[in-house]
Amino acid sequence: MLDLPEPIVRTLREIVAPLVEADGGVLYVVRKASGVRLHLAGACAGCPGYRITSTEVIEPALRAAGVKGDIDVTAGWTVPEGALRVNAA
């Protein structure tokens, strides 16, 4: 399903997705050549606080899981084509 190393998938499912879902958001992974690109939808789409969540929670968690490249987090109502939803474990 997700073409990412297991520690990263586990972090997304066990840490990031539950936090996003708790606020009414939906987490998606969008394919990227290097690093990880995430998209936040649902309640996160209109929330200006998604940038703080990105830099203070999501990025450190993914770095700890082993992401070496860029981590891009976007938010909006329109989900990018080819994005895969990540559900909490």
C-alpha atoms as a PDB file:
ATOM      1  CA  MET A   1       0.000   0.000   0.000  1.00  0.00           C
ATOM      2  CA  LEU A   2       2.362   2.736   1.180  1.00  0.00           C
ATOM      3  CA  ASP A   3       5.686   2.547  -0.623  1.00  0.00           C
ATOM      4  CA  LEU A   4       7.698   3.699   2.394  1.00  0.00           C
ATOM      5  CA  PRO A   5       9.995   1.942   4.871  1.00  0.00           C
ATOM      6  CA  GLU A   6       8.150   0.170   7.702  1.00  0.00           C
ATOM      7  CA  PRO A   7       9.328   2.509  10.507  1.00  0.00           C
ATOM      8  CA  ILE A   8       7.897   5.472   8.610  1.00  0.00           C
ATOM      9  CA  VAL A   9       4.593   3.721   7.890  1.00  0.00           C
ATOM     10  CA  ARG A  10       4.353   2.706  11.549  1.00  0.00           C
ATOM     11  CA  THR A  11       4.972   6.303  12.674  1.00  0.00           C
ATOM     12  CA  LEU A  12       2.329   7.598  10.298  1.00  0.00           C
ATOM     13  CA  ARG A  13      -0.252   5.023  11.456  1.00  0.00           C
ATOM     14  CA  GLU A  14       0.522   4.977  15.179  1.00  0.00           C
ATOM     15  CA  ILE A  15       1.488   8.600  15.894  1.00  0.00           C
ATOM     16  CA  VAL A  16       0.633  11.067  13.142  1.00  0.00           C
ATOM     17  CA  ALA A  17      -2.724   9.760  11.874  1.00  0.00           C
ATOM     18  CA  PRO A  18      -4.277   9.433  15.360  1.00  0.00           C
ATOM     19  CA  LEU A  19      -3.317  13.033  16.192  1.00  0.00           C
ATOM     20  CA  VAL A  20      -4.684  14.347  12.908  1.00  0.00           C
ATOM     21  CA  GLU A  21      -7.895  12.312  13.243  1.00  0.00           C
ATOM     22  CA  ALA A  22      -8.401  13.497  16.844  1.00  0.00           C
ATOM     23  CA  ASP A  23      -8.763  17.035  15.469  1.00  0.00           C
ATOM     24  CA  GLY A  24     -11.157  15.952  12.720  1.00  0.00           C
ATOM     25  CA  GLY A  25      -8.497  15.805  10.021  1.00  0.00           C
ATOM     26  CA  VAL A  26      -7.571  13.201   7.443  1.00  0.00           C
ATOM     27  CA  LEU A  27      -3.969  12.259   6.605  1.00  0.00           C
ATOM     28  CA  TYR A  28      -2.792  11.384   3.096  1.00  0.00           C
ATOM     29  CA  VAL A  29       0.594  10.368   1.689  1.00  0.00           C
ATOM     30  CA  VAL A  30       1.426  11.748  -1.733  1.00  0.00           C
ATOM     31  CA  ARG A  31       4.210  10.093  -3.711  1.00  0.00           C
ATOM     32  CA  LYS A  32       7.468  11.991  -3.897  1.00  0.00           C
ATOM     33  CA  ALA A  33      10.845  11.077  -5.388  1.00  0.00           C
ATOM     34  CA  SER A  34      12.790  11.820  -2.204  1.00  0.00           C
ATOM     35  CA  GLY A  35      11.495  12.386   1.279  1.00  0.00           C
ATOM     36  CA  VAL A  36       7.821  12.380   2.182  1.00  0.00           C
ATOM     37  CA  ARG A  37       4.901  14.542   1.107  1.00  0.00           C
ATOM     38  CA  LEU A  38       1.794  14.538   3.261  1.00  0.00           C
ATOM     39  CA  HIS A  39      -1.537  16.230   2.730  1.00  0.00           C
ATOM     40  CA  LEU A  40      -3.964  17.116   5.511  1.00  0.00           C
ATOM     41  CA  ALA A  41      -7.659  17.348   4.665  1.00  0.00           C
ATOM     42  CA  GLY A  42     -10.899  17.400   6.639  1.00  0.00           C
ATOM     43  CA  ALA A  43     -10.872  19.890   9.530  1.00  0.00           C
ATOM     44  CA  CYS A  44      -7.167  20.530   8.899  1.00  0.00           C
ATOM     45  CA  ALA A  45      -7.934  21.985   5.461  1.00  0.00           C
ATOM     46  CA  GLY A  46      -9.079  25.329   6.820  1.00  0.00           C
ATOM     47  CA  CYS A  47      -6.951  25.451   9.944  1.00  0.00           C
ATOM     48  CA  PRO A  48      -4.009  27.880  10.047  1.00  0.00           C
ATOM     49  CA  GLY A  49      -2.501  25.768  12.848  1.00  0.00           C
ATOM     50  CA  TYR A  50      -1.558  22.942  10.496  1.00  0.00           C
ATOM     51  CA  ARG A  51       1.863  24.561   9.991  1.00  0.00           C
ATOM     52  CA  ILE A  52       2.604  24.363  13.706  1.00  0.00           C
ATOM     53  CA  THR A  53       1.445  20.745  13.779  1.00  0.00           C
ATOM     54  CA  SER A  54       3.703  20.086  10.807  1.00  0.00           C
ATOM     55  CA  THR A  55       6.874  21.633  12.207  1.00  0.00           C
ATOM     56  CA  GLU A  56       6.399  20.739  15.878  1.00  0.00           C
ATOM     57  CA  VAL A  57       4.868  17.245  15.649  1.00  0.00           C
ATOM     58  CA  ILE A  58       4.879  15.635  12.206  1.00  0.00           C
ATOM     59  CA  GLU A  59       8.376  16.537  11.025  1.00  0.00           C
ATOM     60  CA  PRO A  60      10.169  15.529  14.272  1.00  0.00           C
ATOM     61  CA  ALA A  61       8.260  12.220  14.395  1.00  0.00           C
ATOM     62  CA  LEU A  62       9.193  11.395  10.802  1.00  0.00           C
ATOM     63  CA  ARG A  63      12.839  12.392  11.307  1.00  0.00           C
ATOM     64  CA  ALA A  64      12.965  10.055  14.315  1.00  0.00           C
ATOM     65  CA  ALA A  65      11.522   7.308  12.072  1.00  0.00           C
ATOM     66  CA  GLY A  66      14.358   7.779   9.582  1.00  0.00           C
ATOM     67  CA  VAL A  67      13.178  10.209   6.892  1.00  0.00           C
ATOM     68  CA  LYS A  68      16.315  11.747   5.391  1.00  0.00           C
ATOM     69  CA  GLY A  69      14.866  13.834   2.536  1.00  0.00           C
ATOM     70  CA  ASP A  70      12.381  16.666   2.472  1.00  0.00           C
ATOM     71  CA  ILE A  71       9.164  16.507   4.448  1.00  0.00           C
ATOM     72  CA  ASP A  72       6.436  18.536   2.785  1.00  0.00           C
ATOM     73  CA  VAL A  73       3.056  18.971   4.444  1.00  0.00           C
ATOM     74  CA  THR A  74       0.195  20.668   2.637  1.00  0.00           C
ATOM     75  CA  ALA A  75      -3.407  21.215   3.661  1.00  0.00           C
ATOM     76  CA  GLY A  76      -6.556  21.843   1.696  1.00  0.00           C
ATOM     77  CA  TRP A  77      -9.959  20.557   0.698  1.00  0.00           C
ATOM     78  CA  THR A  78      -8.752  19.103  -2.616  1.00  0.00           C
ATOM     79  CA  VAL A  79      -6.771  15.909  -2.131  1.00  0.00           C
ATOM     80  CA  PRO A  80      -3.888  15.560  -4.618  1.00  0.00           C
ATOM     81  CA  GLU A  81      -4.316  12.935  -7.307  1.00  0.00           C
ATOM     82  CA  GLY A  82      -2.788   9.602  -6.354  1.00  0.00           C
ATOM     83  CA  ALA A  83      -2.748  10.369  -2.624  1.00  0.00           C
ATOM     84  CA  LEU A  84      -3.234   7.426  -0.276  1.00  0.00           C
ATOM     85  CA  ARG A  85      -5.202   7.829   2.938  1.00  0.00           C
ATOM     86  CA  VAL A  86      -3.423   6.806   6.128  1.00  0.00           C
ATOM     87  CA  ASN A  87      -5.724   5.540   8.860  1.00  0.00           C
ATOM     88  CA  ALA A  88      -4.787   5.303  12.502  1.00  0.00           C
ATOM     89  CA  ALA A  89      -3.700   1.838  13.600  1.00  0.00           C
END
